[in-house]
Amino acid sequence: MSLEVIKKGGNKYVLQMEIELDASSMLSSEEQIQLAVNALGKEATKLAMHQFDTSGEPIVIDGITMSSKGKLKKTIRPPMEK
């Protein structure tokens, strides 16, 4: 399975995924599809989160200053992932 962002334009992204399905087992094919969809969801979520990420500068909303820890490495698991 491979996944790549092939096009970016403003807030639009085109993701391309290649998956191999098992011709002898529907169950195995469904599992591969589930893994692929989860991987695509992770990548799309990562792209969405970068839109709202800060560089560590304070965030001011309605005169209230909120601190940010900046970019931190986080592990995100989709709910259906094994």
PDB file of N, CA and C in Angstrom:
ATOM      1  N   MET A   1       0.854  -1.171   0.000  1.00  0.00           N
ATOM      2  CA  MET A   1       0.000   0.000   0.000  1.00  0.00           C
ATOM      3  C   MET A   1       0.898   1.231   0.000  1.00  0.00           C
ATOM      4  N   SER A   2       0.566   2.165  -0.859  1.00  0.00           N
ATOM      5  CA  SER A   2       1.306   3.423  -0.877  1.00  0.00           C
ATOM      6  C   SER A   2       0.308   4.580  -0.929  1.00  0.00           C
ATOM      7  N   LEU A   3       0.709   5.677  -0.315  1.00  0.00           N
ATOM      8  CA  LEU A   3      -0.142   6.860  -0.242  1.00  0.00           C
ATOM      9  C   LEU A   3       0.734   8.079  -0.436  1.00  0.00           C
ATOM     10  N   GLU A   4       0.287   8.985  -1.283  1.00  0.00           N
ATOM     11  CA  GLU A   4       1.035  10.223  -1.455  1.00  0.00           C
ATOM     12  C   GLU A   4       0.092  11.371  -1.783  1.00  0.00           C
ATOM     13  N   VAL A   5       0.522  12.566  -1.385  1.00  0.00           N
ATOM     14  CA  VAL A   5      -0.198  13.782  -1.749  1.00  0.00           C
ATOM     15  C   VAL A   5       0.350  14.178  -3.111  1.00  0.00           C
ATOM     16  N   ILE A   6      -0.503  14.163  -4.120  1.00  0.00           N
ATOM     17  CA  ILE A   6      -0.012  14.452  -5.468  1.00  0.00           C
ATOM     18  C   ILE A   6      -0.310  15.871  -5.925  1.00  0.00           C
ATOM     19  N   LYS A   7      -1.209  16.570  -5.214  1.00  0.00           N
ATOM     20  CA  LYS A   7      -1.546  17.937  -5.631  1.00  0.00           C
ATOM     21  C   LYS A   7      -2.052  18.718  -4.436  1.00  0.00           C
ATOM     22  N   LYS A   8      -1.544  19.950  -4.285  1.00  0.00           N
ATOM     23  CA  LYS A   8      -2.028  20.860  -3.257  1.00  0.00           C
ATOM     24  C   LYS A   8      -2.398  22.167  -3.923  1.00  0.00           C
ATOM     25  N   GLY A   9      -3.522  22.735  -3.524  1.00  0.00           N
ATOM     26  CA  GLY A   9      -3.933  24.026  -4.045  1.00  0.00           C
ATOM     27  C   GLY A   9      -4.833  24.704  -3.043  1.00  0.00           C
ATOM     28  N   GLY A  10      -4.294  25.691  -2.326  1.00  0.00           N
ATOM     29  CA  GLY A  10      -5.088  26.343  -1.278  1.00  0.00           C
ATOM     30  C   GLY A  10      -5.404  25.348  -0.184  1.00  0.00           C
ATOM     31  N   ASN A  11      -6.680  25.126   0.049  1.00  0.00           N
ATOM     32  CA  ASN A  11      -7.114  24.156   1.063  1.00  0.00           C
ATOM     33  C   ASN A  11      -7.562  22.842   0.442  1.00  0.00           C
ATOM     34  N   LYS A  12      -7.230  22.615  -0.823  1.00  0.00           N
ATOM     35  CA  LYS A  12      -7.615  21.373  -1.496  1.00  0.00           C
ATOM     36  C   LYS A  12      -6.384  20.503  -1.716  1.00  0.00           C
ATOM     37  N   TYR A  13      -6.544  19.224  -1.446  1.00  0.00           N
ATOM     38  CA  TYR A  13      -5.464  18.259  -1.624  1.00  0.00           C
ATOM     39  C   TYR A  13      -5.976  17.082  -2.444  1.00  0.00           C
ATOM     40  N   VAL A  14      -5.110  16.523  -3.253  1.00  0.00           N
ATOM     41  CA  VAL A  14      -5.430  15.302  -3.979  1.00  0.00           C
ATOM     42  C   VAL A  14      -4.475  14.236  -3.445  1.00  0.00           C
ATOM     43  N   LEU A  15      -5.056  13.187  -2.861  1.00  0.00           N
ATOM     44  CA  LEU A  15      -4.261  12.086  -2.327  1.00  0.00           C
ATOM     45  C   LEU A  15      -4.430  10.883  -3.248  1.00  0.00           C
ATOM     46  N   GLN A  16      -3.339  10.208  -3.502  1.00  0.00           N
ATOM     47  CA  GLN A  16      -3.379   9.026  -4.354  1.00  0.00           C
ATOM     48  C   GLN A  16      -2.945   7.824  -3.535  1.00  0.00           C
ATOM     49  N   MET A  17      -3.725   6.745  -3.628  1.00  0.00           N
ATOM     50  CA  MET A  17      -3.440   5.544  -2.857  1.00  0.00           C
ATOM     51  C   MET A  17      -3.449   4.338  -3.775  1.00  0.00           C
ATOM     52  N   GLU A  18      -2.518   3.446  -3.519  1.00  0.00           N
ATOM     53  CA  GLU A  18      -2.466   2.190  -4.253  1.00  0.00           C
ATOM     54  C   GLU A  18      -2.545   1.059  -3.233  1.00  0.00           C
ATOM     55  N   ILE A  19      -3.522   0.158  -3.433  1.00  0.00           N
ATOM     56  CA  ILE A  19      -3.666  -0.983  -2.527  1.00  0.00           C
ATOM     57  C   ILE A  19      -3.724  -2.264  -3.352  1.00  0.00           C
ATOM     58  N   GLU A  20      -3.269  -3.335  -2.730  1.00  0.00           N
ATOM     59  CA  GLU A  20      -3.315  -4.637  -3.382  1.00  0.00           C
ATOM     60  C   GLU A  20      -4.377  -5.482  -2.684  1.00  0.00           C
ATOM     61  N   LEU A  21      -5.331  -5.960  -3.460  1.00  0.00           N
ATOM     62  CA  LEU A  21      -6.405  -6.781  -2.910  1.00  0.00           C
ATOM     63  C   LEU A  21      -6.096  -8.260  -3.148  1.00  0.00           C
ATOM     64  N   ASP A  22      -6.497  -9.088  -2.206  1.00  0.00           N
ATOM     65  CA  ASP A  22      -6.276 -10.533  -2.279  1.00  0.00           C
ATOM     66  C   ASP A  22      -7.383 -11.163  -3.128  1.00  0.00           C
ATOM     67  N   ALA A  23      -7.019 -11.726  -4.257  1.00  0.00           N
ATOM     68  CA  ALA A  23      -8.003 -12.313  -5.167  1.00  0.00           C
ATOM     69  C   ALA A  23      -8.624 -13.596  -4.620  1.00  0.00           C
ATOM     70  N   SER A  24      -8.010 -14.185  -3.598  1.00  0.00           N
ATOM     71  CA  SER A  24      -8.510 -15.455  -3.079  1.00  0.00           C
ATOM     72  C   SER A  24      -9.305 -15.317  -1.784  1.00  0.00           C
ATOM     73  N   SER A  25      -9.322 -14.121  -1.181  1.00  0.00           N
ATOM     74  CA  SER A  25      -9.990 -13.963   0.111  1.00  0.00           C
ATOM     75  C   SER A  25     -10.664 -12.602   0.231  1.00  0.00           C
ATOM     76  N   MET A  26     -11.974 -12.607   0.330  1.00  0.00           N
ATOM     77  CA  MET A  26     -12.719 -11.358   0.510  1.00  0.00           C
ATOM     78  C   MET A  26     -12.377 -10.724   1.858  1.00  0.00           C
ATOM     79  N   LEU A  27     -12.232 -11.551   2.898  1.00  0.00           N
ATOM     80  CA  LEU A  27     -11.905 -11.036   4.232  1.00  0.00           C
ATOM     81  C   LEU A  27     -10.562 -10.303   4.212  1.00  0.00           C
ATOM     82  N   SER A  28      -9.580 -10.909   3.582  1.00  0.00           N
ATOM     83  CA  SER A  28      -8.272 -10.276   3.481  1.00  0.00           C
ATOM     84  C   SER A  28      -8.358  -8.970   2.692  1.00  0.00           C
ATOM     85  N   SER A  29      -9.143  -8.970   1.618  1.00  0.00           N
ATOM     86  CA  SER A  29      -9.330  -7.748   0.829  1.00  0.00           C
ATOM     87  C   SER A  29      -9.984  -6.658   1.661  1.00  0.00           C
ATOM     88  N   GLU A  30     -10.997  -7.015   2.448  1.00  0.00           N
ATOM     89  CA  GLU A  30     -11.665  -6.034   3.312  1.00  0.00           C
ATOM     90  C   GLU A  30     -10.699  -5.462   4.341  1.00  0.00           C
ATOM     91  N   GLU A  31      -9.829  -6.303   4.875  1.00  0.00           N
ATOM     92  CA  GLU A  31      -8.844  -5.819   5.851  1.00  0.00           C
ATOM     93  C   GLU A  31      -7.867  -4.851   5.197  1.00  0.00           C
ATOM     94  N   GLN A  32      -7.451  -5.143   3.962  1.00  0.00           N
ATOM     95  CA  GLN A  32      -6.559  -4.243   3.242  1.00  0.00           C
ATOM     96  C   GLN A  32      -7.247  -2.904   2.952  1.00  0.00           C
ATOM     97  N   ILE A  33      -8.518  -2.966   2.604  1.00  0.00           N
ATOM     98  CA  ILE A  33      -9.282  -1.732   2.363  1.00  0.00           C
ATOM     99  C   ILE A  33      -9.371  -0.920   3.650  1.00  0.00           C
ATOM    100  N   GLN A  34      -9.639  -1.579   4.763  1.00  0.00           N
ATOM    101  CA  GLN A  34      -9.734  -0.881   6.050  1.00  0.00           C
ATOM    102  C   GLN A  34      -8.406  -0.208   6.407  1.00  0.00           C
ATOM    103  N   LEU A  35      -7.299  -0.903   6.223  1.00  0.00           N
ATOM    104  CA  LEU A  35      -5.989  -0.315   6.505  1.00  0.00           C
ATOM    105  C   LEU A  35      -5.733   0.886   5.605  1.00  0.00           C
ATOM    106  N   ALA A  36      -6.111   0.763   4.328  1.00  0.00           N
ATOM    107  CA  ALA A  36      -5.898   1.851   3.376  1.00  0.00           C
ATOM    108  C   ALA A  36      -6.737   3.080   3.732  1.00  0.00           C
ATOM    109  N   VAL A  37      -8.000   2.863   4.061  1.00  0.00           N
ATOM    110  CA  VAL A  37      -8.882   3.979   4.413  1.00  0.00           C
ATOM    111  C   VAL A  37      -8.387   4.660   5.695  1.00  0.00           C
ATOM    112  N   ASN A  38      -7.930   3.880   6.661  1.00  0.00           N
ATOM    113  CA  ASN A  38      -7.387   4.461   7.894  1.00  0.00           C
ATOM    114  C   ASN A  38      -6.136   5.288   7.603  1.00  0.00           C
ATOM    115  N   ALA A  39      -5.258   4.783   6.736  1.00  0.00           N
ATOM    116  CA  ALA A  39      -4.050   5.519   6.382  1.00  0.00           C
ATOM    117  C   ALA A  39      -4.401   6.828   5.683  1.00  0.00           C
ATOM    118  N   LEU A  40      -5.377   6.785   4.788  1.00  0.00           N
ATOM    119  CA  LEU A  40      -5.816   7.989   4.097  1.00  0.00           C
ATOM    120  C   LEU A  40      -6.408   8.990   5.094  1.00  0.00           C
ATOM    121  N   GLY A  41      -7.202   8.489   6.036  1.00  0.00           N
ATOM    122  CA  GLY A  41      -7.783   9.358   7.061  1.00  0.00           C
ATOM    123  C   GLY A  41      -6.728  10.005   7.936  1.00  0.00           C
ATOM    124  N   LYS A  42      -5.692   9.247   8.293  1.00  0.00           N
ATOM    125  CA  LYS A  42      -4.590   9.796   9.097  1.00  0.00           C
ATOM    126  C   LYS A  42      -3.893  10.929   8.357  1.00  0.00           C
ATOM    127  N   GLU A  43      -3.613  10.699   7.080  1.00  0.00           N
ATOM    128  CA  GLU A  43      -2.912  11.712   6.281  1.00  0.00           C
ATOM    129  C   GLU A  43      -3.777  12.954   6.117  1.00  0.00           C
ATOM    130  N   ALA A  44      -5.065  12.793   5.837  1.00  0.00           N
ATOM    131  CA  ALA A  44      -5.963  13.941   5.685  1.00  0.00           C
ATOM    132  C   ALA A  44      -6.079  14.711   6.999  1.00  0.00           C
ATOM    133  N   THR A  45      -6.136  13.994   8.122  1.00  0.00           N
ATOM    134  CA  THR A  45      -6.203  14.648   9.434  1.00  0.00           C
ATOM    135  C   THR A  45      -4.924  15.416   9.711  1.00  0.00           C
ATOM    136  N   LYS A  46      -3.784  14.837   9.361  1.00  0.00           N
ATOM    137  CA  LYS A  46      -2.500  15.517   9.546  1.00  0.00           C
ATOM    138  C   LYS A  46      -2.464  16.816   8.750  1.00  0.00           C
ATOM    139  N   LEU A  47      -2.929  16.770   7.497  1.00  0.00           N
ATOM    140  CA  LEU A  47      -2.961  17.978   6.675  1.00  0.00           C
ATOM    141  C   LEU A  47      -3.900  19.024   7.279  1.00  0.00           C
ATOM    142  N   ALA A  48      -5.044  18.585   7.776  1.00  0.00           N
ATOM    143  CA  ALA A  48      -6.008  19.510   8.389  1.00  0.00           C
ATOM    144  C   ALA A  48      -5.436  20.132   9.661  1.00  0.00           C
ATOM    145  N   MET A  49      -4.750  19.333  10.459  1.00  0.00           N
ATOM    146  CA  MET A  49      -4.204  19.840  11.726  1.00  0.00           C
ATOM    147  C   MET A  49      -3.118  20.882  11.488  1.00  0.00           C
ATOM    148  N   HIS A  50      -2.355  20.737  10.408  1.00  0.00           N
ATOM    149  CA  HIS A  50      -1.301  21.719  10.110  1.00  0.00           C
ATOM    150  C   HIS A  50      -1.879  23.098   9.832  1.00  0.00           C
ATOM    151  N   GLN A  51      -3.121  23.162   9.372  1.00  0.00           N
ATOM    152  CA  GLN A  51      -3.754  24.462   9.127  1.00  0.00           C
ATOM    153  C   GLN A  51      -3.933  25.251  10.414  1.00  0.00           C
ATOM    154  N   PHE A  52      -4.096  24.538  11.522  1.00  0.00           N
ATOM    155  CA  PHE A  52      -4.393  25.191  12.801  1.00  0.00           C
ATOM    156  C   PHE A  52      -3.211  25.186  13.752  1.00  0.00           C
ATOM    157  N   ASP A  53      -2.090  24.655  13.319  1.00  0.00           N
ATOM    158  CA  ASP A  53      -0.914  24.561  14.174  1.00  0.00           C
ATOM    159  C   ASP A  53      -0.258  25.931  14.302  1.00  0.00           C
ATOM    160  N   THR A  54       0.376  26.170  15.425  1.00  0.00           N
ATOM    161  CA  THR A  54       1.086  27.423  15.632  1.00  0.00           C
ATOM    162  C   THR A  54       2.580  27.135  15.742  1.00  0.00           C
ATOM    163  N   SER A  55       3.361  28.173  15.684  1.00  0.00           N
ATOM    164  CA  SER A  55       4.810  28.036  15.811  1.00  0.00           C
ATOM    165  C   SER A  55       5.252  28.239  17.253  1.00  0.00           C
ATOM    166  N   GLY A  56       4.321  28.330  18.160  1.00  0.00           N
ATOM    167  CA  GLY A  56       4.668  28.519  19.561  1.00  0.00           C
ATOM    168  C   GLY A  56       4.304  29.902  20.086  1.00  0.00           C
ATOM    169  N   GLU A  57       3.889  30.801  19.188  1.00  0.00           N
ATOM    170  CA  GLU A  57       3.519  32.136  19.639  1.00  0.00           C
ATOM    171  C   GLU A  57       2.178  32.080  20.371  1.00  0.00           C
ATOM    172  N   PRO A  58       1.942  33.021  21.290  1.00  0.00           N
ATOM    173  CA  PRO A  58       0.673  33.020  22.022  1.00  0.00           C
ATOM    174  C   PRO A  58      -0.523  33.218  21.089  1.00  0.00           C
ATOM    175  N   ILE A  59      -1.643  32.624  21.464  1.00  0.00           N
ATOM    176  CA  ILE A  59      -2.888  32.764  20.715  1.00  0.00           C
ATOM    177  C   ILE A  59      -3.772  33.710  21.518  1.00  0.00           C
ATOM    178  N   VAL A  60      -4.263  34.769  20.874  1.00  0.00           N
ATOM    179  CA  VAL A  60      -5.099  35.749  21.562  1.00  0.00           C
ATOM    180  C   VAL A  60      -6.501  35.685  20.965  1.00  0.00           C
ATOM    181  N   ILE A  61      -7.488  35.364  21.833  1.00  0.00           N
ATOM    182  CA  ILE A  61      -8.886  35.310  21.417  1.00  0.00           C
ATOM    183  C   ILE A  61      -9.691  36.152  22.393  1.00  0.00           C
ATOM    184  N   ASP A  62     -10.382  37.173  21.871  1.00  0.00           N
ATOM    185  CA  ASP A  62     -11.195  38.090  22.688  1.00  0.00           C
ATOM    186  C   ASP A  62     -10.401  38.658  23.863  1.00  0.00           C
ATOM    187  N   GLY A  63      -9.163  39.034  23.602  1.00  0.00           N
ATOM    188  CA  GLY A  63      -8.336  39.652  24.631  1.00  0.00           C
ATOM    189  C   GLY A  63      -7.720  38.672  25.618  1.00  0.00           C
ATOM    190  N   ILE A  64      -7.993  37.396  25.489  1.00  0.00           N
ATOM    191  CA  ILE A  64      -7.421  36.379  26.384  1.00  0.00           C
ATOM    192  C   ILE A  64      -6.232  35.738  25.674  1.00  0.00           C
ATOM    193  N   THR A  65      -5.080  35.776  26.336  1.00  0.00           N
ATOM    194  CA  THR A  65      -3.871  35.196  25.763  1.00  0.00           C
ATOM    195  C   THR A  65      -3.730  33.755  26.221  1.00  0.00           C
ATOM    196  N   MET A  66      -3.577  32.860  25.252  1.00  0.00           N
ATOM    197  CA  MET A  66      -3.382  31.446  25.550  1.00  0.00           C
ATOM    198  C   MET A  66      -2.020  31.023  25.024  1.00  0.00           C
ATOM    199  N   SER A  67      -1.325  30.208  25.803  1.00  0.00           N
ATOM    200  CA  SER A  67       0.009  29.754  25.414  1.00  0.00           C
ATOM    201  C   SER A  67      -0.074  28.477  24.600  1.00  0.00           C
ATOM    202  N   SER A  68       0.936  28.297  23.775  1.00  0.00           N
ATOM    203  CA  SER A  68       1.047  27.087  22.974  1.00  0.00           C
ATOM    204  C   SER A  68       2.389  26.435  23.272  1.00  0.00           C
ATOM    205  N   LYS A  69       2.417  25.130  23.268  1.00  0.00           N
ATOM    206  CA  LYS A  69       3.678  24.411  23.452  1.00  0.00           C
ATOM    207  C   LYS A  69       4.413  24.279  22.126  1.00  0.00           C
ATOM    208  N   GLY A  70       3.835  24.807  21.054  1.00  0.00           N
ATOM    209  CA  GLY A  70       4.449  24.679  19.742  1.00  0.00           C
ATOM    210  C   GLY A  70       4.169  23.322  19.141  1.00  0.00           C
ATOM    211  N   LYS A  71       4.949  22.960  18.137  1.00  0.00           N
ATOM    212  CA  LYS A  71       4.732  21.682  17.466  1.00  0.00           C
ATOM    213  C   LYS A  71       5.293  20.549  18.312  1.00  0.00           C
ATOM    214  N   LEU A  72       4.437  19.604  18.639  1.00  0.00           N
ATOM    215  CA  LEU A  72       4.834  18.435  19.417  1.00  0.00           C
ATOM    216  C   LEU A  72       4.539  17.177  18.621  1.00  0.00           C
ATOM    217  N   LYS A  73       5.393  16.181  18.762  1.00  0.00           N
ATOM    218  CA  LYS A  73       5.161  14.901  18.091  1.00  0.00           C
ATOM    219  C   LYS A  73       4.049  14.178  18.840  1.00  0.00           C
ATOM    220  N   LYS A  74       3.001  13.814  18.123  1.00  0.00           N
ATOM    221  CA  LYS A  74       1.867  13.099  18.715  1.00  0.00           C
ATOM    222  C   LYS A  74       1.566  11.876  17.870  1.00  0.00           C
ATOM    223  N   THR A  75       1.079  10.835  18.522  1.00  0.00           N
ATOM    224  CA  THR A  75       0.651   9.636  17.818  1.00  0.00           C
ATOM    225  C   THR A  75      -0.864   9.608  17.830  1.00  0.00           C
ATOM    226  N   ILE A  76      -1.452   9.521  16.634  1.00  0.00           N
ATOM    227  CA  ILE A  76      -2.903   9.522  16.495  1.00  0.00           C
ATOM    228  C   ILE A  76      -3.325   8.202  15.885  1.00  0.00           C
ATOM    229  N   ARG A  77      -4.234   7.512  16.558  1.00  0.00           N
ATOM    230  CA  ARG A  77      -4.749   6.232  16.048  1.00  0.00           C
ATOM    231  C   ARG A  77      -6.200   6.382  15.660  1.00  0.00           C
ATOM    232  N   PRO A  78      -6.550   5.992  14.432  1.00  0.00           N
ATOM    233  CA  PRO A  78      -7.956   6.019  14.073  1.00  0.00           C
ATOM    234  C   PRO A  78      -8.731   4.969  14.886  1.00  0.00           C
ATOM    235  N   PRO A  79     -10.013   5.182  15.123  1.00  0.00           N
ATOM    236  CA  PRO A  79     -10.776   4.270  15.986  1.00  0.00           C
ATOM    237  C   PRO A  79     -10.858   2.833  15.471  1.00  0.00           C
ATOM    238  N   MET A  80     -10.746   2.622  14.172  1.00  0.00           N
ATOM    239  CA  MET A  80     -10.899   1.273  13.620  1.00  0.00           C
ATOM    240  C   MET A  80      -9.588   0.544  13.420  1.00  0.00           C
ATOM    241  N   GLU A  81      -8.480   1.185  13.770  1.00  0.00           N
ATOM    242  CA  GLU A  81      -7.163   0.573  13.535  1.00  0.00           C
ATOM    243  C   GLU A  81      -6.901  -0.546  14.538  1.00  0.00           C
ATOM    244  N   LYS A  82      -6.296  -1.625  14.054  1.00  0.00           N
ATOM    245  CA  LYS A  82      -5.971  -2.759  14.923  1.00  0.00           C
ATOM    246  C   LYS A  82      -4.710  -2.524  15.686  1.00  0.00           C
TER     247      LYS A  82
END
